[in-house]
Amino acid sequence: MYARKQKDNTASPVANTAIQHLAAAAACLFIAIMKGEWQIFHPATVPTAAWAGLAYLVVFGSIIAFMAFMWLVKVQPPAIVSTYTFVNPMVAVFAGWVIAGEPVGTAQIGALVLVLIGVLLVQSRKLPFIGRFRRQPRCEPGS
């Protein structure tokens, strides 16, 4: 929301993404050093699949997704942009079920239905079949 209001902000979404990710990386590195985790980390013990997963998350989950988010913040209202936080977990549950064969129980399905209802309510002003049920403000006589 802050970036959207900055009309004189000429930095590109790529520059904004880089600054925020470098700051987060520096903070994570500082915390790891302070907790002593850096001394017990050995890159050779990390499986290749984990490195590949990390590379995938860095490129697609961070860089590309965050640049898209920064662009959307500038061109769409915050209520619409924020719906990704509801939809992403649903995509993750579905992908885990389809790709990894993870079980999906009634609790997860119930939660997904609630999330869909929440997204639908956020978007309801644009949906004619829901928008007509919204309570209209009363007009005072003489106004």
C-alpha atoms as a PDB file:
ATOM      1  CA  MET A   1       0.000   0.000   0.000  1.00  0.00           C
ATOM      2  CA  TYR A   2       2.937   2.318   0.724  1.00  0.00           C
ATOM      3  CA  ALA A   3       4.506   1.694  -2.702  1.00  0.00           C
ATOM      4  CA  ARG A   4       1.202   2.456  -4.411  1.00  0.00           C
ATOM      5  CA  LYS A   5       1.024   5.933  -2.862  1.00  0.00           C
ATOM      6  CA  GLN A   6       4.572   6.856  -3.888  1.00  0.00           C
ATOM      7  CA  LYS A   7       3.886   8.777  -7.082  1.00  0.00           C
ATOM      8  CA  ASP A   8       7.455  10.083  -7.354  1.00  0.00           C
ATOM      9  CA  ASN A   9       8.940   6.605  -6.912  1.00  0.00           C
ATOM     10  CA  THR A  10      10.830   5.956 -10.135  1.00  0.00           C
ATOM     11  CA  ALA A  11      12.545   2.762  -8.988  1.00  0.00           C
ATOM     12  CA  SER A  12      11.618  -0.260 -11.033  1.00  0.00           C
ATOM     13  CA  PRO A  13       9.904  -3.320  -9.546  1.00  0.00           C
ATOM     14  CA  VAL A  14      13.184  -5.177 -10.115  1.00  0.00           C
ATOM     15  CA  ALA A  15      15.117  -2.638  -8.007  1.00  0.00           C
ATOM     16  CA  ASN A  16      12.452  -2.706  -5.278  1.00  0.00           C
ATOM     17  CA  THR A  17      12.553  -6.510  -5.245  1.00  0.00           C
ATOM     18  CA  ALA A  18      16.337  -6.594  -5.087  1.00  0.00           C
ATOM     19  CA  ILE A  19      16.514  -4.126  -2.197  1.00  0.00           C
ATOM     20  CA  GLN A  20      13.929  -5.965  -0.119  1.00  0.00           C
ATOM     21  CA  HIS A  21      15.407  -9.408  -0.767  1.00  0.00           C
ATOM     22  CA  LEU A  22      18.978  -8.283  -0.049  1.00  0.00           C
ATOM     23  CA  ALA A  23      17.829  -6.707   3.223  1.00  0.00           C
ATOM     24  CA  ALA A  24      16.029  -9.943   4.178  1.00  0.00           C
ATOM     25  CA  ALA A  25      19.090 -12.020   3.269  1.00  0.00           C
ATOM     26  CA  ALA A  26      21.332  -9.801   5.386  1.00  0.00           C
ATOM     27  CA  ALA A  27      18.946 -10.071   8.340  1.00  0.00           C
ATOM     28  CA  CYS A  28      18.756 -13.884   8.012  1.00  0.00           C
ATOM     29  CA  LEU A  29      22.549 -14.130   7.769  1.00  0.00           C
ATOM     30  CA  PHE A  30      22.953 -11.963  10.875  1.00  0.00           C
ATOM     31  CA  ILE A  31      20.493 -14.103  12.845  1.00  0.00           C
ATOM     32  CA  ALA A  32      22.202 -17.331  11.711  1.00  0.00           C
ATOM     33  CA  ILE A  33      25.607 -16.012  12.776  1.00  0.00           C
ATOM     34  CA  MET A  34      24.300 -14.797  16.137  1.00  0.00           C
ATOM     35  CA  LYS A  35      22.660 -18.179  16.850  1.00  0.00           C
ATOM     36  CA  GLY A  36      25.824 -20.063  15.868  1.00  0.00           C
ATOM     37  CA  GLU A  37      24.100 -21.935  13.048  1.00  0.00           C
ATOM     38  CA  TRP A  38      26.716 -20.928  10.502  1.00  0.00           C
ATOM     39  CA  GLN A  39      29.368 -23.020  12.291  1.00  0.00           C
ATOM     40  CA  ILE A  40      27.375 -26.262  12.028  1.00  0.00           C
ATOM     41  CA  PHE A  41      26.269 -25.815   8.407  1.00  0.00           C
ATOM     42  CA  HIS A  42      28.063 -27.976   5.835  1.00  0.00           C
ATOM     43  CA  PRO A  43      26.904 -27.513   2.208  1.00  0.00           C
ATOM     44  CA  ALA A  44      28.088 -31.019   1.271  1.00  0.00           C
ATOM     45  CA  THR A  45      25.513 -32.584   3.609  1.00  0.00           C
ATOM     46  CA  VAL A  46      22.602 -30.891   1.821  1.00  0.00           C
ATOM     47  CA  PRO A  47      21.018 -33.220  -0.793  1.00  0.00           C
ATOM     48  CA  THR A  48      20.974 -32.151  -4.452  1.00  0.00           C
ATOM     49  CA  ALA A  49      17.178 -32.213  -4.464  1.00  0.00           C
ATOM     50  CA  ALA A  50      17.180 -29.674  -1.622  1.00  0.00           C
ATOM     51  CA  TRP A  51      19.516 -27.353  -3.550  1.00  0.00           C
ATOM     52  CA  ALA A  52      17.281 -27.693  -6.626  1.00  0.00           C
ATOM     53  CA  GLY A  53      14.203 -26.929  -4.520  1.00  0.00           C
ATOM     54  CA  LEU A  54      15.928 -23.888  -3.044  1.00  0.00           C
ATOM     55  CA  ALA A  55      16.882 -22.631  -6.514  1.00  0.00           C
ATOM     56  CA  TYR A  56      13.297 -23.098  -7.705  1.00  0.00           C
ATOM     57  CA  LEU A  57      11.908 -21.197  -4.718  1.00  0.00           C
ATOM     58  CA  VAL A  58      14.428 -18.378  -5.137  1.00  0.00           C
ATOM     59  CA  VAL A  59      13.651 -17.878  -8.816  1.00  0.00           C
ATOM     60  CA  PHE A  60       9.915 -18.557  -9.000  1.00  0.00           C
ATOM     61  CA  GLY A  61       8.742 -18.217  -5.405  1.00  0.00           C
ATOM     62  CA  SER A  62      10.685 -15.076  -4.608  1.00  0.00           C
ATOM     63  CA  ILE A  63      12.013 -13.132  -7.554  1.00  0.00           C
ATOM     64  CA  ILE A  64       9.289 -13.618 -10.171  1.00  0.00           C
ATOM     65  CA  ALA A  65       6.370 -13.807  -7.738  1.00  0.00           C
ATOM     66  CA  PHE A  66       7.488 -10.791  -5.727  1.00  0.00           C
ATOM     67  CA  MET A  67       8.073  -8.658  -8.838  1.00  0.00           C
ATOM     68  CA  ALA A  68       4.584  -9.561 -10.007  1.00  0.00           C
ATOM     69  CA  PHE A  69       3.226  -8.638  -6.571  1.00  0.00           C
ATOM     70  CA  MET A  70       5.030  -5.263  -6.589  1.00  0.00           C
ATOM     71  CA  TRP A  71       3.602  -4.496 -10.030  1.00  0.00           C
ATOM     72  CA  LEU A  72       0.089  -5.501  -8.950  1.00  0.00           C
ATOM     73  CA  VAL A  73       0.274  -3.249  -5.881  1.00  0.00           C
ATOM     74  CA  LYS A  74       0.753  -0.304  -8.207  1.00  0.00           C
ATOM     75  CA  VAL A  75      -2.124  -1.144 -10.572  1.00  0.00           C
ATOM     76  CA  GLN A  76      -4.797  -2.806  -8.405  1.00  0.00           C
ATOM     77  CA  PRO A  77      -6.544  -2.019  -5.100  1.00  0.00           C
ATOM     78  CA  PRO A  78      -4.999  -3.671  -1.989  1.00  0.00           C
ATOM     79  CA  ALA A  79      -8.100  -5.812  -1.375  1.00  0.00           C
ATOM     80  CA  ILE A  80      -7.647  -7.506  -4.731  1.00  0.00           C
ATOM     81  CA  VAL A  81      -3.872  -7.848  -4.454  1.00  0.00           C
ATOM     82  CA  SER A  82      -4.110  -9.396  -0.990  1.00  0.00           C
ATOM     83  CA  THR A  83      -6.259 -12.289  -2.211  1.00  0.00           C
ATOM     84  CA  TYR A  84      -3.085 -14.101  -3.294  1.00  0.00           C
ATOM     85  CA  THR A  85      -2.392 -14.832   0.365  1.00  0.00           C
ATOM     86  CA  PHE A  86      -5.609 -16.832   0.464  1.00  0.00           C
ATOM     87  CA  VAL A  87      -5.247 -18.538  -2.890  1.00  0.00           C
ATOM     88  CA  ASN A  88      -1.590 -19.642  -2.585  1.00  0.00           C
ATOM     89  CA  PRO A  89      -2.234 -22.126   0.245  1.00  0.00           C
ATOM     90  CA  MET A  90      -5.077 -23.658  -1.771  1.00  0.00           C
ATOM     91  CA  VAL A  91      -2.757 -24.127  -4.735  1.00  0.00           C
ATOM     92  CA  ALA A  92      -0.130 -25.651  -2.428  1.00  0.00           C
ATOM     93  CA  VAL A  93      -2.611 -28.135  -0.936  1.00  0.00           C
ATOM     94  CA  PHE A  94      -3.847 -29.108  -4.398  1.00  0.00           C
ATOM     95  CA  ALA A  95      -0.291 -29.492  -5.739  1.00  0.00           C
ATOM     96  CA  GLY A  96       0.712 -31.572  -2.712  1.00  0.00           C
ATOM     97  CA  TRP A  97      -2.287 -33.822  -3.246  1.00  0.00           C
ATOM     98  CA  VAL A  98      -1.733 -34.239  -7.003  1.00  0.00           C
ATOM     99  CA  ILE A  99       2.071 -34.291  -7.185  1.00  0.00           C
ATOM    100  CA  ALA A 100       3.206 -35.680  -3.840  1.00  0.00           C
ATOM    101  CA  GLY A 101       0.187 -37.809  -2.980  1.00  0.00           C
ATOM    102  CA  GLU A 102      -0.357 -36.012   0.328  1.00  0.00           C
ATOM    103  CA  PRO A 103      -3.637 -36.827   2.054  1.00  0.00           C
ATOM    104  CA  VAL A 104      -6.365 -34.185   2.131  1.00  0.00           C
ATOM    105  CA  GLY A 105      -8.937 -34.586   4.886  1.00  0.00           C
ATOM    106  CA  THR A 106     -12.229 -32.974   5.699  1.00  0.00           C
ATOM    107  CA  ALA A 107     -10.524 -30.293   7.815  1.00  0.00           C
ATOM    108  CA  GLN A 108      -8.442 -29.146   4.840  1.00  0.00           C
ATOM    109  CA  ILE A 109     -11.438 -29.189   2.503  1.00  0.00           C
ATOM    110  CA  GLY A 110     -13.488 -27.199   5.019  1.00  0.00           C
ATOM    111  CA  ALA A 111     -10.681 -24.650   5.370  1.00  0.00           C
ATOM    112  CA  LEU A 112     -10.375 -24.355   1.589  1.00  0.00           C
ATOM    113  CA  VAL A 113     -14.118 -23.720   1.295  1.00  0.00           C
ATOM    114  CA  LEU A 114     -13.867 -20.969   3.927  1.00  0.00           C
ATOM    115  CA  VAL A 115     -10.957 -19.415   2.048  1.00  0.00           C
ATOM    116  CA  LEU A 116     -12.914 -19.465  -1.200  1.00  0.00           C
ATOM    117  CA  ILE A 117     -15.875 -17.822   0.524  1.00  0.00           C
ATOM    118  CA  GLY A 118     -13.547 -15.134   1.903  1.00  0.00           C
ATOM    119  CA  VAL A 119     -12.076 -14.413  -1.526  1.00  0.00           C
ATOM    120  CA  LEU A 120     -15.571 -14.351  -2.997  1.00  0.00           C
ATOM    121  CA  LEU A 121     -16.705 -11.825  -0.382  1.00  0.00           C
ATOM    122  CA  VAL A 122     -13.686  -9.605  -1.045  1.00  0.00           C
ATOM    123  CA  GLN A 123     -14.463  -9.673  -4.749  1.00  0.00           C
ATOM    124  CA  SER A 124     -18.251  -9.448  -4.293  1.00  0.00           C
ATOM    125  CA  ARG A 125     -18.561  -5.867  -5.518  1.00  0.00           C
ATOM    126  CA  LYS A 126     -17.537  -7.054  -8.950  1.00  0.00           C
ATOM    127  CA  LEU A 127     -19.835 -10.068  -8.992  1.00  0.00           C
ATOM    128  CA  PRO A 128     -23.371  -9.092 -10.032  1.00  0.00           C
ATOM    129  CA  PHE A 129     -25.057 -12.093  -8.437  1.00  0.00           C
ATOM    130  CA  ILE A 130     -23.603 -11.214  -5.013  1.00  0.00           C
ATOM    131  CA  GLY A 131     -23.383  -7.430  -5.302  1.00  0.00           C
ATOM    132  CA  ARG A 132     -27.166  -7.077  -5.548  1.00  0.00           C
ATOM    133  CA  PHE A 133     -27.572  -8.631  -2.083  1.00  0.00           C
ATOM    134  CA  ARG A 134     -25.330  -6.043  -0.435  1.00  0.00           C
ATOM    135  CA  ARG A 135     -27.156  -3.572   1.756  1.00  0.00           C
ATOM    136  CA  GLN A 136     -27.380  -0.196   0.069  1.00  0.00           C
ATOM    137  CA  PRO A 137     -26.857   2.932   2.196  1.00  0.00           C
ATOM    138  CA  ARG A 138     -30.039   4.801   2.981  1.00  0.00           C
ATOM    139  CA  CYS A 139     -30.602   8.188   1.469  1.00  0.00           C
ATOM    140  CA  GLU A 140     -31.903  10.757   3.889  1.00  0.00           C
ATOM    141  CA  PRO A 141     -34.848  12.861   2.725  1.00  0.00           C
ATOM    142  CA  GLY A 142     -33.666  16.138   1.261  1.00  0.00           C
ATOM    143  CA  SER A 143     -30.145  14.942   0.569  1.00  0.00           C
END
